[in-house]
C-alpha atoms as a PDB file:
ATOM      1  CA  MET A   1    -100.747  37.270 -42.682  1.00  0.00           C
ATOM      2  CA  LEU A   2     -98.208  36.768 -45.153  1.00  0.00           C
ATOM      3  CA  ASP A   3     -97.403  39.664 -47.116  1.00  0.00           C
ATOM      4  CA  PHE A   4     -99.894  39.344 -50.034  1.00  0.00           C
ATOM      5  CA  ARG A   5     -97.170  40.231 -52.810  1.00  0.00           C
ATOM      6  CA  LEU A   6     -95.134  37.426 -51.379  1.00  0.00           C
ATOM      7  CA  GLN A   7     -98.091  35.295 -51.240  1.00  0.00           C
ATOM      8  CA  VAL A   8     -98.824  35.603 -54.804  1.00  0.00           C
ATOM      9  CA  PHE A   9     -95.214  35.105 -55.955  1.00  0.00           C
ATOM     10  CA  TYR A  10     -95.135  31.722 -53.560  1.00  0.00           C
ATOM     11  CA  THR A  11     -98.400  30.593 -55.465  1.00  0.00           C
ATOM     12  CA  VAL A  12     -97.126  31.151 -58.851  1.00  0.00           C
ATOM     13  CA  ALA A  13     -93.734  29.838 -58.054  1.00  0.00           C
ATOM     14  CA  ARG A  14     -95.297  26.683 -56.718  1.00  0.00           C
ATOM     15  CA  ARG A  15     -97.892  26.437 -59.493  1.00  0.00           C
ATOM     16  CA  LEU A  16     -95.385  27.734 -62.253  1.00  0.00           C
ATOM     17  CA  SER A  17     -98.517  29.324 -63.669  1.00  0.00           C
ATOM     18  CA  PHE A  18    -100.130  32.588 -63.381  1.00  0.00           C
ATOM     19  CA  THR A  19    -103.731  31.425 -64.199  1.00  0.00           C
ATOM     20  CA  LYS A  20    -103.536  28.434 -61.604  1.00  0.00           C
ATOM     21  CA  ALA A  21    -102.190  31.237 -58.997  1.00  0.00           C
ATOM     22  CA  SER A  22    -105.093  33.522 -59.872  1.00  0.00           C
ATOM     23  CA  ALA A  23    -107.454  30.848 -59.521  1.00  0.00           C
ATOM     24  CA  GLU A  24    -106.161  29.451 -56.215  1.00  0.00           C
ATOM     25  CA  LEU A  25    -105.920  33.084 -54.657  1.00  0.00           C
ATOM     26  CA  TYR A  26    -109.173  34.116 -56.215  1.00  0.00           C
ATOM     27  CA  ILE A  27    -107.773  37.353 -57.900  1.00  0.00           C
ATOM     28  CA  SER A  28    -107.693  38.280 -61.579  1.00  0.00           C
ATOM     29  CA  GLN A  29    -104.663  37.359 -63.751  1.00  0.00           C
ATOM     30  CA  PRO A  30    -103.769  40.882 -64.323  1.00  0.00           C
ATOM     31  CA  ALA A  31    -103.512  41.419 -60.562  1.00  0.00           C
ATOM     32  CA  VAL A  32    -101.119  38.451 -60.134  1.00  0.00           C
ATOM     33  CA  THR A  33     -99.041  40.067 -63.090  1.00  0.00           C
ATOM     34  CA  LYS A  34     -99.365  43.516 -61.284  1.00  0.00           C
ATOM     35  CA  HIS A  35     -97.968  41.768 -57.797  1.00  0.00           C
ATOM     36  CA  ILE A  36     -95.205  40.162 -59.525  1.00  0.00           C
ATOM     37  CA  ARG A  37     -93.994  43.253 -61.318  1.00  0.00           C
ATOM     38  CA  GLU A  38     -94.037  45.066 -57.980  1.00  0.00           C
ATOM     39  CA  LEU A  39     -91.738  42.500 -56.484  1.00  0.00           C
ATOM     40  CA  GLU A  40     -89.303  42.520 -59.518  1.00  0.00           C
ATOM     41  CA  THR A  41     -89.265  46.354 -59.201  1.00  0.00           C
ATOM     42  CA  HIS A  42     -88.688  46.051 -55.556  1.00  0.00           C
ATOM     43  CA  PHE A  43     -85.811  43.420 -56.178  1.00  0.00           C
ATOM     44  CA  LYS A  44     -84.544  45.187 -59.352  1.00  0.00           C
ATOM     45  CA  THR A  45     -84.543  41.901 -60.988  1.00  0.00           C
ATOM     46  CA  SER A  46     -86.593  39.291 -62.946  1.00  0.00           C
ATOM     47  CA  LEU A  47     -88.067  36.359 -60.868  1.00  0.00           C
ATOM     48  CA  PHE A  48     -89.442  34.372 -63.666  1.00  0.00           C
ATOM     49  CA  GLU A  49     -88.617  33.620 -67.372  1.00  0.00           C
ATOM     50  CA  ARG A  50     -91.222  33.644 -69.627  1.00  0.00           C
ATOM     51  CA  SER A  51     -91.142  31.647 -73.074  1.00  0.00           C
ATOM     52  CA  GLY A  52     -93.329  32.077 -76.076  1.00  0.00           C
ATOM     53  CA  ASN A  53     -95.530  29.093 -75.364  1.00  0.00           C
ATOM     54  CA  LYS A  54     -96.576  30.860 -72.070  1.00  0.00           C
ATOM     55  CA  LYS A  55     -94.568  28.514 -69.896  1.00  0.00           C
ATOM     56  CA  ILE A  56     -92.696  30.230 -67.287  1.00  0.00           C
ATOM     57  CA  ALA A  57     -89.494  29.157 -65.043  1.00  0.00           C
ATOM     58  CA  LEU A  58     -87.860  30.703 -62.076  1.00  0.00           C
ATOM     59  CA  THR A  59     -84.937  32.559 -62.649  1.00  0.00           C
ATOM     60  CA  SER A  60     -82.003  32.134 -60.294  1.00  0.00           C
ATOM     61  CA  ALA A  61     -83.196  35.213 -58.219  1.00  0.00           C
ATOM     62  CA  GLY A  62     -86.763  33.708 -58.103  1.00  0.00           C
ATOM     63  CA  GLU A  63     -85.514  30.406 -56.878  1.00  0.00           C
ATOM     64  CA  LEU A  64     -83.634  32.361 -54.130  1.00  0.00           C
ATOM     65  CA  LEU A  65     -86.829  34.154 -53.250  1.00  0.00           C
ATOM     66  CA  PHE A  66     -89.010  30.933 -53.449  1.00  0.00           C
ATOM     67  CA  THR A  67     -86.685  29.192 -50.884  1.00  0.00           C
ATOM     68  CA  TYR A  68     -87.232  32.373 -48.645  1.00  0.00           C
ATOM     69  CA  ALA A  69     -90.924  32.388 -49.067  1.00  0.00           C
ATOM     70  CA  GLN A  70     -91.185  28.678 -48.123  1.00  0.00           C
ATOM     71  CA  GLN A  71     -89.600  29.397 -44.959  1.00  0.00           C
ATOM     72  CA  VAL A  72     -91.688  32.439 -44.382  1.00  0.00           C
ATOM     73  CA  SER A  73     -94.478  30.832 -45.156  1.00  0.00           C
ATOM     74  CA  SER A  74     -93.663  27.807 -42.832  1.00  0.00           C
ATOM     75  CA  LEU A  75     -93.138  30.357 -39.702  1.00  0.00           C
ATOM     76  CA  TYR A  76     -96.365  32.045 -40.266  1.00  0.00           C
ATOM     77  CA  ASN A  77     -98.258  28.618 -40.495  1.00  0.00           C
ATOM     78  CA  GLU A  78     -96.482  27.808 -37.034  1.00  0.00           C
ATOM     79  CA  LEU A  79     -97.415  31.201 -35.520  1.00  0.00           C
ATOM     80  CA  ASP A  80    -100.841  30.651 -36.598  1.00  0.00           C
ATOM     81  CA  PHE A  81    -101.166  27.387 -35.055  1.00  0.00           C
ATOM     82  CA  ASP A  82     -99.538  28.607 -31.756  1.00  0.00           C
ATOM     83  CA  ILE A  83    -101.575  31.552 -31.365  1.00  0.00           C
ATOM     84  CA  ASN A  84    -104.729  29.645 -32.087  1.00  0.00           C
ATOM     85  CA  LEU A  85    -103.591  26.772 -29.562  1.00  0.00           C
ATOM     86  CA  LEU A  86    -102.789  29.585 -26.855  1.00  0.00           C
ATOM     87  CA  SER A  87    -106.242  31.381 -27.389  1.00  0.00           C
ATOM     88  CA  LYS A  88    -107.665  27.698 -27.757  1.00  0.00           C
ATOM     89  CA  GLN A  89    -109.233  28.519 -30.947  1.00  0.00           C
ATOM     90  CA  HIS A  90    -109.082  26.431 -34.108  1.00  0.00           C
ATOM     91  CA  ALA A  91    -108.587  28.228 -37.408  1.00  0.00           C
ATOM     92  CA  GLY A  92    -106.715  28.850 -40.631  1.00  0.00           C
ATOM     93  CA  ASN A  93    -105.916  27.021 -43.574  1.00  0.00           C
ATOM     94  CA  LEU A  94    -105.305  23.043 -43.953  1.00  0.00           C
ATOM     95  CA  ARG A  95    -104.147  21.488 -47.243  1.00  0.00           C
ATOM     96  CA  ILE A  96    -104.707  17.892 -47.417  1.00  0.00           C
ATOM     97  CA  GLY A  97    -103.480  15.887 -50.102  1.00  0.00           C
ATOM     98  CA  GLY A  98    -105.097  11.960 -50.862  1.00  0.00           C
ATOM     99  CA  SER A  99    -104.196   9.538 -53.385  1.00  0.00           C
ATOM    100  CA  ASN A 100    -107.308   8.908 -55.607  1.00  0.00           C
ATOM    101  CA  THR A 101    -108.844   6.033 -54.076  1.00  0.00           C
ATOM    102  CA  VAL A 102    -108.735   7.526 -50.679  1.00  0.00           C
ATOM    103  CA  ALA A 103    -109.870  10.644 -51.657  1.00  0.00           C
ATOM    104  CA  GLN A 104    -112.780   9.342 -53.319  1.00  0.00           C
ATOM    105  CA  TYR A 105    -113.876   6.733 -50.767  1.00  0.00           C
ATOM    106  CA  VAL A 106    -112.429   7.705 -47.421  1.00  0.00           C
ATOM    107  CA  ILE A 107    -111.537  11.301 -46.788  1.00  0.00           C
ATOM    108  CA  PRO A 108    -114.646  13.137 -47.715  1.00  0.00           C
ATOM    109  CA  GLN A 109    -116.936  11.522 -44.810  1.00  0.00           C
ATOM    110  CA  VAL A 110    -113.768  12.287 -42.265  1.00  0.00           C
ATOM    111  CA  LEU A 111    -113.726  15.864 -43.694  1.00  0.00           C
ATOM    112  CA  ALA A 112    -117.217  16.219 -42.966  1.00  0.00           C
ATOM    113  CA  ALA A 113    -117.021  15.121 -39.357  1.00  0.00           C
ATOM    114  CA  PHE A 114    -113.827  17.600 -38.842  1.00  0.00           C
ATOM    115  CA  HIS A 115    -115.596  20.433 -40.266  1.00  0.00           C
ATOM    116  CA  GLN A 116    -118.675  19.892 -37.862  1.00  0.00           C
ATOM    117  CA  LYS A 117    -116.396  20.354 -34.818  1.00  0.00           C
ATOM    118  CA  PHE A 118    -113.741  22.678 -36.431  1.00  0.00           C
ATOM    119  CA  LYS A 119    -115.905  25.153 -38.537  1.00  0.00           C
ATOM    120  CA  ASP A 120    -113.285  28.016 -38.975  1.00  0.00           C
ATOM    121  CA  VAL A 121    -110.664  26.004 -40.441  1.00  0.00           C
ATOM    122  CA  ARG A 122    -110.413  26.227 -44.326  1.00  0.00           C
ATOM    123  CA  ILE A 123    -109.715  22.887 -45.758  1.00  0.00           C
ATOM    124  CA  THR A 124    -108.298  22.202 -49.290  1.00  0.00           C
ATOM    125  CA  LEU A 125    -108.238  18.531 -50.692  1.00  0.00           C
ATOM    126  CA  VAL A 126    -105.987  17.852 -53.544  1.00  0.00           C
ATOM    127  CA  SER A 127    -106.135  14.435 -55.262  1.00  0.00           C
ATOM    128  CA  GLY A 128    -103.436  12.558 -57.210  1.00  0.00           C
ATOM    129  CA  ASN A 129    -101.948   9.022 -57.132  1.00  0.00           C
ATOM    130  CA  THR A 130     -99.823   8.026 -54.421  1.00  0.00           C
ATOM    131  CA  GLU A 131     -96.581   9.116 -56.156  1.00  0.00           C
ATOM    132  CA  GLN A 132     -98.126  12.565 -56.835  1.00  0.00           C
ATOM    133  CA  THR A 133     -99.388  13.156 -53.316  1.00  0.00           C
ATOM    134  CA  GLU A 134     -95.980  12.265 -51.526  1.00  0.00           C
ATOM    135  CA  GLN A 135     -94.185  14.598 -53.981  1.00  0.00           C
ATOM    136  CA  ALA A 136     -96.859  17.505 -53.055  1.00  0.00           C
ATOM    137  CA  LEU A 137     -95.933  16.997 -49.430  1.00  0.00           C
ATOM    138  CA  LEU A 138     -92.249  17.129 -50.132  1.00  0.00           C
ATOM    139  CA  ASN A 139     -92.839  20.163 -52.050  1.00  0.00           C
ATOM    140  CA  LYS A 140     -94.680  21.342 -49.097  1.00  0.00           C
ATOM    141  CA  ASP A 141     -97.758  21.992 -51.393  1.00  0.00           C
ATOM    142  CA  ILE A 142     -99.978  20.371 -48.765  1.00  0.00           C
ATOM    143  CA  GLU A 143     -99.614  19.583 -44.890  1.00  0.00           C
ATOM    144  CA  LEU A 144    -100.789  16.276 -44.744  1.00  0.00           C
ATOM    145  CA  GLY A 145    -101.004  13.357 -47.205  1.00  0.00           C
ATOM    146  CA  ILE A 146    -103.072  10.201 -47.042  1.00  0.00           C
ATOM    147  CA  VAL A 147    -102.182   7.359 -49.676  1.00  0.00           C
ATOM    148  CA  GLU A 148    -102.241   3.580 -50.149  1.00  0.00           C
ATOM    149  CA  GLY A 149     -99.226   1.410 -50.950  1.00  0.00           C
ATOM    150  CA  VAL A 150     -96.113   0.397 -49.016  1.00  0.00           C
ATOM    151  CA  HIS A 151     -94.139   2.915 -47.057  1.00  0.00           C
ATOM    152  CA  ARG A 152     -91.106   3.893 -49.456  1.00  0.00           C
ATOM    153  CA  ASN A 153     -89.908   7.219 -49.274  1.00  0.00           C
ATOM    154  CA  ALA A 154     -87.228   7.907 -46.069  1.00  0.00           C
ATOM    155  CA  GLN A 155     -88.148  11.569 -45.999  1.00  0.00           C
ATOM    156  CA  LEU A 156     -91.654  11.208 -45.251  1.00  0.00           C
ATOM    157  CA  LYS A 157     -93.141   9.739 -41.610  1.00  0.00           C
ATOM    158  CA  TYR A 158     -95.855   7.248 -42.281  1.00  0.00           C
ATOM    159  CA  SER A 159     -98.576   6.207 -39.794  1.00  0.00           C
ATOM    160  CA  VAL A 160    -101.412   3.628 -40.352  1.00  0.00           C
ATOM    161  CA  PHE A 161    -104.787   5.636 -40.830  1.00  0.00           C
ATOM    162  CA  VAL A 162    -107.264   2.515 -41.886  1.00  0.00           C
ATOM    163  CA  ASP A 163    -106.675  -0.858 -43.021  1.00  0.00           C
ATOM    164  CA  ASP A 164    -108.234  -2.084 -46.799  1.00  0.00           C
ATOM    165  CA  GLU A 165    -108.840  -5.158 -48.556  1.00  0.00           C
ATOM    166  CA  LEU A 166    -108.021  -5.689 -52.079  1.00  0.00           C
ATOM    167  CA  VAL A 167    -110.292  -7.922 -54.288  1.00  0.00           C
ATOM    168  CA  LEU A 168    -110.346  -9.429 -57.311  1.00  0.00           C
ATOM    169  CA  VAL A 169    -113.331  -7.883 -59.493  1.00  0.00           C
ATOM    170  CA  CYS A 170    -114.997  -8.618 -62.819  1.00  0.00           C
ATOM    171  CA  ASN A 171    -118.361  -8.515 -64.411  1.00  0.00           C
ATOM    172  CA  ALA A 172    -120.828 -10.188 -63.006  1.00  0.00           C
ATOM    173  CA  ALA A 173    -121.766 -12.075 -66.369  1.00  0.00           C
ATOM    174  CA  ASN A 174    -118.052 -13.373 -66.667  1.00  0.00           C
ATOM    175  CA  PRO A 175    -118.404 -17.150 -66.749  1.00  0.00           C
ATOM    176  CA  LEU A 176    -115.642 -17.234 -64.193  1.00  0.00           C
ATOM    177  CA  VAL A 177    -117.807 -15.832 -61.570  1.00  0.00           C
ATOM    178  CA  LYS A 178    -119.104 -19.188 -60.605  1.00  0.00           C
ATOM    179  CA  LYS A 179    -115.574 -20.468 -59.355  1.00  0.00           C
ATOM    180  CA  GLN A 180    -114.861 -20.495 -55.876  1.00  0.00           C
ATOM    181  CA  THR A 181    -111.081 -20.259 -56.328  1.00  0.00           C
ATOM    182  CA  ILE A 182    -108.609 -18.914 -58.494  1.00  0.00           C
ATOM    183  CA  LYS A 183    -105.271 -20.211 -58.057  1.00  0.00           C
ATOM    184  CA  PRO A 184    -102.284 -17.872 -58.605  1.00  0.00           C
ATOM    185  CA  ASP A 185    -101.010 -19.429 -62.039  1.00  0.00           C
ATOM    186  CA  GLU A 186    -104.576 -18.721 -63.306  1.00  0.00           C
ATOM    187  CA  LEU A 187    -104.140 -15.202 -62.982  1.00  0.00           C
ATOM    188  CA  LYS A 188    -101.413 -15.093 -65.664  1.00  0.00           C
ATOM    189  CA  ALA A 189    -104.025 -16.076 -68.233  1.00  0.00           C
ATOM    190  CA  LEU A 190    -106.817 -13.458 -67.190  1.00  0.00           C
ATOM    191  CA  PRO A 191    -107.108 -10.454 -69.172  1.00  0.00           C
ATOM    192  CA  PHE A 192    -106.315  -7.111 -66.436  1.00  0.00           C
ATOM    193  CA  VAL A 193    -107.476  -3.797 -66.036  1.00  0.00           C
ATOM    194  CA  LEU A 194    -104.724  -2.069 -63.853  1.00  0.00           C
ATOM    195  CA  ARG A 195    -104.158   1.071 -62.301  1.00  0.00           C
ATOM    196  CA  GLU A 196    -101.704   3.692 -63.636  1.00  0.00           C
ATOM    197  CA  PRO A 197     -97.946   3.778 -62.725  1.00  0.00           C
ATOM    198  CA  GLY A 198     -97.415   5.619 -59.689  1.00  0.00           C
ATOM    199  CA  SER A 199    -100.695   4.603 -57.950  1.00  0.00           C
ATOM    200  CA  GLY A 200    -100.482   2.996 -54.514  1.00  0.00           C
ATOM    201  CA  THR A 201    -103.169   0.374 -55.463  1.00  0.00           C
ATOM    202  CA  LEU A 202    -100.913  -0.963 -58.152  1.00  0.00           C
ATOM    203  CA  GLU A 203     -97.655  -0.870 -55.810  1.00  0.00           C
ATOM    204  CA  VAL A 204     -99.599  -3.077 -53.335  1.00  0.00           C
ATOM    205  CA  VAL A 205    -100.721  -5.292 -56.144  1.00  0.00           C
ATOM    206  CA  ALA A 206     -97.258  -5.822 -57.098  1.00  0.00           C
ATOM    207  CA  HIS A 207     -96.421  -6.336 -53.341  1.00  0.00           C
ATOM    208  CA  ALA A 208     -98.796  -8.867 -52.949  1.00  0.00           C
ATOM    209  CA  MET A 209     -98.165 -11.105 -56.035  1.00  0.00           C
ATOM    210  CA  LYS A 210     -94.096 -11.353 -55.595  1.00  0.00           C
ATOM    211  CA  PRO A 211     -94.351 -13.933 -52.776  1.00  0.00           C
ATOM    212  CA  LEU A 212     -96.581 -15.858 -55.258  1.00  0.00           C
ATOM    213  CA  GLY A 213     -93.798 -15.793 -57.966  1.00  0.00           C
ATOM    214  CA  ILE A 214     -95.943 -13.281 -60.215  1.00  0.00           C
ATOM    215  CA  GLU A 215     -94.703 -10.162 -61.526  1.00  0.00           C
ATOM    216  CA  LEU A 216     -96.812  -7.404 -63.069  1.00  0.00           C
ATOM    217  CA  SER A 217     -95.360  -7.914 -66.289  1.00  0.00           C
ATOM    218  CA  ASP A 218     -96.673 -11.580 -66.252  1.00  0.00           C
ATOM    219  CA  LEU A 219    -100.132 -10.471 -66.675  1.00  0.00           C
ATOM    220  CA  GLN A 220    -102.200 -10.058 -69.469  1.00  0.00           C
ATOM    221  CA  THR A 221    -102.722  -6.231 -69.104  1.00  0.00           C
ATOM    222  CA  GLU A 222    -105.418  -4.944 -71.617  1.00  0.00           C
ATOM    223  CA  ILE A 223    -105.393  -1.318 -70.127  1.00  0.00           C
ATOM    224  CA  GLN A 224    -104.098   0.898 -67.325  1.00  0.00           C
ATOM    225  CA  LEU A 225    -106.434   3.494 -66.049  1.00  0.00           C
ATOM    226  CA  GLY A 226    -106.351   6.149 -63.434  1.00  0.00           C
ATOM    227  CA  SER A 227    -109.073   5.719 -61.162  1.00  0.00           C
ATOM    228  CA  THR A 228    -111.519   3.018 -59.376  1.00  0.00           C
ATOM    229  CA  GLU A 229    -114.509   4.240 -61.065  1.00  0.00           C
ATOM    230  CA  SER A 230    -113.052   4.312 -64.695  1.00  0.00           C
ATOM    231  CA  ILE A 231    -112.054   0.579 -64.223  1.00  0.00           C
ATOM    232  CA  LYS A 232    -115.382  -0.189 -62.518  1.00  0.00           C
ATOM    233  CA  THR A 233    -117.041   1.205 -65.960  1.00  0.00           C
ATOM    234  CA  TYR A 234    -114.565  -0.559 -68.053  1.00  0.00           C
ATOM    235  CA  LEU A 235    -115.423  -3.927 -66.568  1.00  0.00           C
ATOM    236  CA  LEU A 236    -118.970  -3.417 -67.278  1.00  0.00           C
ATOM    237  CA  HIS A 237    -118.206  -3.550 -70.744  1.00  0.00           C
ATOM    238  CA  SER A 238    -115.524  -6.434 -71.048  1.00  0.00           C
ATOM    239  CA  ASP A 239    -114.241  -9.613 -69.759  1.00  0.00           C
ATOM    240  CA  CYS A 240    -111.659  -8.147 -67.766  1.00  0.00           C
ATOM    241  CA  PHE A 241    -110.441  -8.739 -64.241  1.00  0.00           C
ATOM    242  CA  ALA A 242    -109.183  -5.904 -61.864  1.00  0.00           C
ATOM    243  CA  ILE A 243    -107.970  -5.669 -58.410  1.00  0.00           C
ATOM    244  CA  PHE A 244    -109.077  -2.896 -56.272  1.00  0.00           C
ATOM    245  CA  VAL A 245    -110.152  -1.714 -52.626  1.00  0.00           C
ATOM    246  CA  GLY A 246    -113.011  -4.005 -51.642  1.00  0.00           C
ATOM    247  CA  ALA A 247    -113.310  -2.762 -47.947  1.00  0.00           C
ATOM    248  CA  ILE A 248    -112.190  -0.387 -45.629  1.00  0.00           C
ATOM    249  CA  TYR A 249    -111.480  -1.207 -41.646  1.00  0.00           C
ATOM    250  CA  TYR A 250    -111.445   1.722 -39.731  1.00  0.00           C
ATOM    251  CA  GLN A 251    -109.259   1.224 -36.481  1.00  0.00           C
END
């Protein structure tokens, strides 16, 4: 119910891209441009600075309007929620963010069950690493985030969703597979594939190794990759080791 011109502006301002806003709103890019120009005419000021490399940035007026657009959008969402609650209906949009591993292995089955119960709720799932998901929540790009890692941002409230277990993994042909136990000090000599900076899995690994007197910098890191699936494929073609989620326990 948010004024559509304001919604277009809000989307462009969040994405800092006319093209991405066009895709998100399912309208043409010329239509996005038209709505922005109408707003700029209405307020008699420019809302975006446009550079030669097609990048855009908010002007001072644009930043002010963006602040108000966030507040208006939030109020409309609360209104929709309260009205639907009053009429015992469940409808609207729900934007969820998930760190890469969670978005791939945990959330889809939960969303499928949710959709069976609340068919009129439109869900958008945005994936990224833990750091990106937390930032999206702070930016109000999503309403809910599900991440891995140690609780760290004082601006966010964390609740346990599921427990998982990290395991040491390597190619089945690796000679060390026959060993029953690998001692902490032996980890320093193994070639590792690690997740990228900002990953919740990487953060948990670092946290777990500290009591053992091991820092991530002590490991022989061959490469850092951005997803569990890419790490699995890399392991199939190397003698490296990796640590990632091996089991998930629903509470």
